[in-house]
Amino acid sequence: MSAGDLDKRITIQAPTKVSDGMGNYTVTWSTIATVYAAVWPVSAKERIQGMAVTTTITHRIRIRFRRVFRTGWRILYGGRYFNVVSAIDPNEDHEWLDLLCEEAK
């Protein structure tokens, strides 16, 4: 894969706790970086849960390697949000990160 294959613009966001001054916290999302990526849909599955059909859509998103990346962060792409389930360094050569994500509802 070459850097030219990273043709989608994504925004990496991390949760930030903000105090409300009363001892409680509100979670907001802070932008960590806006980078180029390759995005591939991996699977979609439906299941019946609580008398309703729920759909889970997964994607693989590849970006250039970043030393700091956490599961629990999310990706904003094309007006949709993707929760990062895992981050994998293929071949452990610190060139790429493959992010396995689920589309947020």
C-alpha atoms as a PDB file:
ATOM      1  CA  MET A   1       0.000   0.000   0.000  1.00  0.00           C
ATOM      2  CA  SER A   2       1.258   3.458  -0.838  1.00  0.00           C
ATOM      3  CA  ALA A   3       0.501   6.773   0.815  1.00  0.00           C
ATOM      4  CA  GLY A   4      -1.537   7.708  -2.297  1.00  0.00           C
ATOM      5  CA  ASP A   5      -4.103   5.057  -1.325  1.00  0.00           C
ATOM      6  CA  LEU A   6      -4.999   7.112   1.760  1.00  0.00           C
ATOM      7  CA  ASP A   7      -7.582   9.207  -0.076  1.00  0.00           C
ATOM      8  CA  LYS A   8     -10.238   9.828   2.599  1.00  0.00           C
ATOM      9  CA  ARG A   9     -10.059  12.693   5.106  1.00  0.00           C
ATOM     10  CA  ILE A  10     -10.985  11.634   8.666  1.00  0.00           C
ATOM     11  CA  THR A  11     -10.980  13.317  12.059  1.00  0.00           C
ATOM     12  CA  ILE A  12      -9.697  11.460  15.137  1.00  0.00           C
ATOM     13  CA  GLN A  13     -11.516  12.420  18.339  1.00  0.00           C
ATOM     14  CA  ALA A  14     -10.925  11.556  22.001  1.00  0.00           C
ATOM     15  CA  PRO A  15     -13.387  11.809  24.896  1.00  0.00           C
ATOM     16  CA  THR A  16     -12.766  14.582  27.402  1.00  0.00           C
ATOM     17  CA  LYS A  17     -14.452  14.860  30.791  1.00  0.00           C
ATOM     18  CA  VAL A  18     -15.633  18.355  31.662  1.00  0.00           C
ATOM     19  CA  SER A  19     -16.684  19.139  35.228  1.00  0.00           C
ATOM     20  CA  ASP A  20     -20.082  20.757  35.679  1.00  0.00           C
ATOM     21  CA  GLY A  21     -18.978  22.323  38.966  1.00  0.00           C
ATOM     22  CA  MET A  22     -21.371  20.154  40.992  1.00  0.00           C
ATOM     23  CA  GLY A  23     -19.215  17.024  41.210  1.00  0.00           C
ATOM     24  CA  ASN A  24     -20.466  15.475  37.977  1.00  0.00           C
ATOM     25  CA  TYR A  25     -18.790  15.230  34.605  1.00  0.00           C
ATOM     26  CA  THR A  26     -20.004  15.598  31.048  1.00  0.00           C
ATOM     27  CA  VAL A  27     -18.171  13.825  28.227  1.00  0.00           C
ATOM     28  CA  THR A  28     -17.315  15.961  25.214  1.00  0.00           C
ATOM     29  CA  TRP A  29     -15.202  15.042  22.195  1.00  0.00           C
ATOM     30  CA  SER A  30     -11.920  16.808  21.397  1.00  0.00           C
ATOM     31  CA  THR A  31     -10.276  16.676  17.981  1.00  0.00           C
ATOM     32  CA  ILE A  32      -6.855  15.020  18.160  1.00  0.00           C
ATOM     33  CA  ALA A  33      -5.946  15.197  14.464  1.00  0.00           C
ATOM     34  CA  THR A  34      -7.338  15.321  10.950  1.00  0.00           C
ATOM     35  CA  VAL A  35      -5.517  12.843   8.708  1.00  0.00           C
ATOM     36  CA  TYR A  36      -5.835  10.957   5.437  1.00  0.00           C
ATOM     37  CA  ALA A  37      -6.986   7.339   5.575  1.00  0.00           C
ATOM     38  CA  ALA A  38      -8.228   4.371   3.577  1.00  0.00           C
ATOM     39  CA  VAL A  39     -11.689   3.148   4.603  1.00  0.00           C
ATOM     40  CA  TRP A  40     -13.114  -0.312   3.901  1.00  0.00           C
ATOM     41  CA  PRO A  41     -16.463  -1.731   5.014  1.00  0.00           C
ATOM     42  CA  VAL A  42     -15.890  -5.153   6.592  1.00  0.00           C
ATOM     43  CA  SER A  43     -19.260  -6.533   7.661  1.00  0.00           C
ATOM     44  CA  ALA A  44     -22.825  -5.782   8.612  1.00  0.00           C
ATOM     45  CA  LYS A  45     -25.055  -7.908  10.793  1.00  0.00           C
ATOM     46  CA  GLU A  46     -28.566  -7.625  12.108  1.00  0.00           C
ATOM     47  CA  ARG A  47     -29.994  -9.129  15.268  1.00  0.00           C
ATOM     48  CA  ILE A  48     -33.199  -8.946  17.209  1.00  0.00           C
ATOM     49  CA  GLN A  49     -32.752  -7.332  20.584  1.00  0.00           C
ATOM     50  CA  GLY A  50     -35.594  -6.242  22.818  1.00  0.00           C
ATOM     51  CA  MET A  51     -38.232  -6.778  20.094  1.00  0.00           C
ATOM     52  CA  ALA A  52     -36.314  -4.496  17.705  1.00  0.00           C
ATOM     53  CA  VAL A  53     -33.832  -5.147  14.935  1.00  0.00           C
ATOM     54  CA  THR A  54     -30.364  -3.679  15.564  1.00  0.00           C
ATOM     55  CA  THR A  55     -27.671  -3.420  12.925  1.00  0.00           C
ATOM     56  CA  THR A  56     -23.912  -3.428  13.531  1.00  0.00           C
ATOM     57  CA  ILE A  57     -21.692  -2.194  10.710  1.00  0.00           C
ATOM     58  CA  THR A  58     -17.924  -2.614  10.971  1.00  0.00           C
ATOM     59  CA  HIS A  59     -15.160  -0.893   9.022  1.00  0.00           C
ATOM     60  CA  ARG A  60     -11.391  -1.103   8.774  1.00  0.00           C
ATOM     61  CA  ILE A  61      -9.663   2.265   8.609  1.00  0.00           C
ATOM     62  CA  ARG A  62      -5.944   2.480   7.787  1.00  0.00           C
ATOM     63  CA  ILE A  63      -3.872   5.534   8.738  1.00  0.00           C
ATOM     64  CA  ARG A  64      -0.179   6.292   9.024  1.00  0.00           C
ATOM     65  CA  PHE A  65       1.317   5.022  12.274  1.00  0.00           C
ATOM     66  CA  ARG A  66       0.782   7.142  15.389  1.00  0.00           C
ATOM     67  CA  ARG A  67       2.543   6.309  18.646  1.00  0.00           C
ATOM     68  CA  VAL A  68      -0.445   7.312  20.768  1.00  0.00           C
ATOM     69  CA  PHE A  69      -3.775   5.811  19.829  1.00  0.00           C
ATOM     70  CA  ARG A  70      -6.437   4.480  22.205  1.00  0.00           C
ATOM     71  CA  THR A  71      -9.459   2.284  21.878  1.00  0.00           C
ATOM     72  CA  GLY A  72     -12.462   4.263  23.010  1.00  0.00           C
ATOM     73  CA  TRP A  73     -11.593   7.090  20.646  1.00  0.00           C
ATOM     74  CA  ARG A  74     -13.768   7.687  17.624  1.00  0.00           C
ATOM     75  CA  ILE A  75     -13.419   8.594  13.983  1.00  0.00           C
ATOM     76  CA  LEU A  76     -15.531  11.183  12.176  1.00  0.00           C
ATOM     77  CA  TYR A  77     -15.815  10.435   8.466  1.00  0.00           C
ATOM     78  CA  GLY A  78     -18.399  11.791   6.044  1.00  0.00           C
ATOM     79  CA  GLY A  79     -20.779  12.903   8.780  1.00  0.00           C
ATOM     80  CA  ARG A  80     -20.709   9.438  10.414  1.00  0.00           C
ATOM     81  CA  TYR A  81     -19.021   8.379  13.640  1.00  0.00           C
ATOM     82  CA  PHE A  82     -17.038   5.154  14.087  1.00  0.00           C
ATOM     83  CA  ASN A  83     -16.076   3.838  17.541  1.00  0.00           C
ATOM     84  CA  VAL A  84     -12.543   2.385  17.559  1.00  0.00           C
ATOM     85  CA  VAL A  85     -12.646  -1.183  18.870  1.00  0.00           C
ATOM     86  CA  SER A  86      -8.981  -2.035  18.289  1.00  0.00           C
ATOM     87  CA  ALA A  87      -5.822  -0.593  16.755  1.00  0.00           C
ATOM     88  CA  ILE A  88      -3.367  -2.971  15.079  1.00  0.00           C
ATOM     89  CA  ASP A  89       0.158  -2.292  13.811  1.00  0.00           C
ATOM     90  CA  PRO A  90       0.382  -4.719  10.845  1.00  0.00           C
ATOM     91  CA  ASN A  91       3.795  -6.411  10.621  1.00  0.00           C
ATOM     92  CA  GLU A  92       4.842  -4.319  13.651  1.00  0.00           C
ATOM     93  CA  ASP A  93       6.948  -2.068  11.426  1.00  0.00           C
ATOM     94  CA  HIS A  94       5.390   1.231  12.649  1.00  0.00           C
ATOM     95  CA  GLU A  95       4.294   2.257   9.162  1.00  0.00           C
ATOM     96  CA  TRP A  96       0.482   1.857   9.342  1.00  0.00           C
ATOM     97  CA  LEU A  97      -2.275   1.496  11.914  1.00  0.00           C
ATOM     98  CA  ASP A  98      -5.356  -0.547  11.085  1.00  0.00           C
ATOM     99  CA  LEU A  99      -8.325   0.601  13.146  1.00  0.00           C
ATOM    100  CA  LEU A 100     -11.193  -1.846  13.509  1.00  0.00           C
ATOM    101  CA  CYS A 101     -14.315   0.225  14.079  1.00  0.00           C
ATOM    102  CA  GLU A 102     -18.052  -0.078  14.592  1.00  0.00           C
ATOM    103  CA  GLU A 103     -20.333   2.557  13.196  1.00  0.00           C
ATOM    104  CA  ALA A 104     -21.976   4.505  16.021  1.00  0.00           C
ATOM    105  CA  LYS A 105     -25.730   4.799  16.067  1.00  0.00           C
END
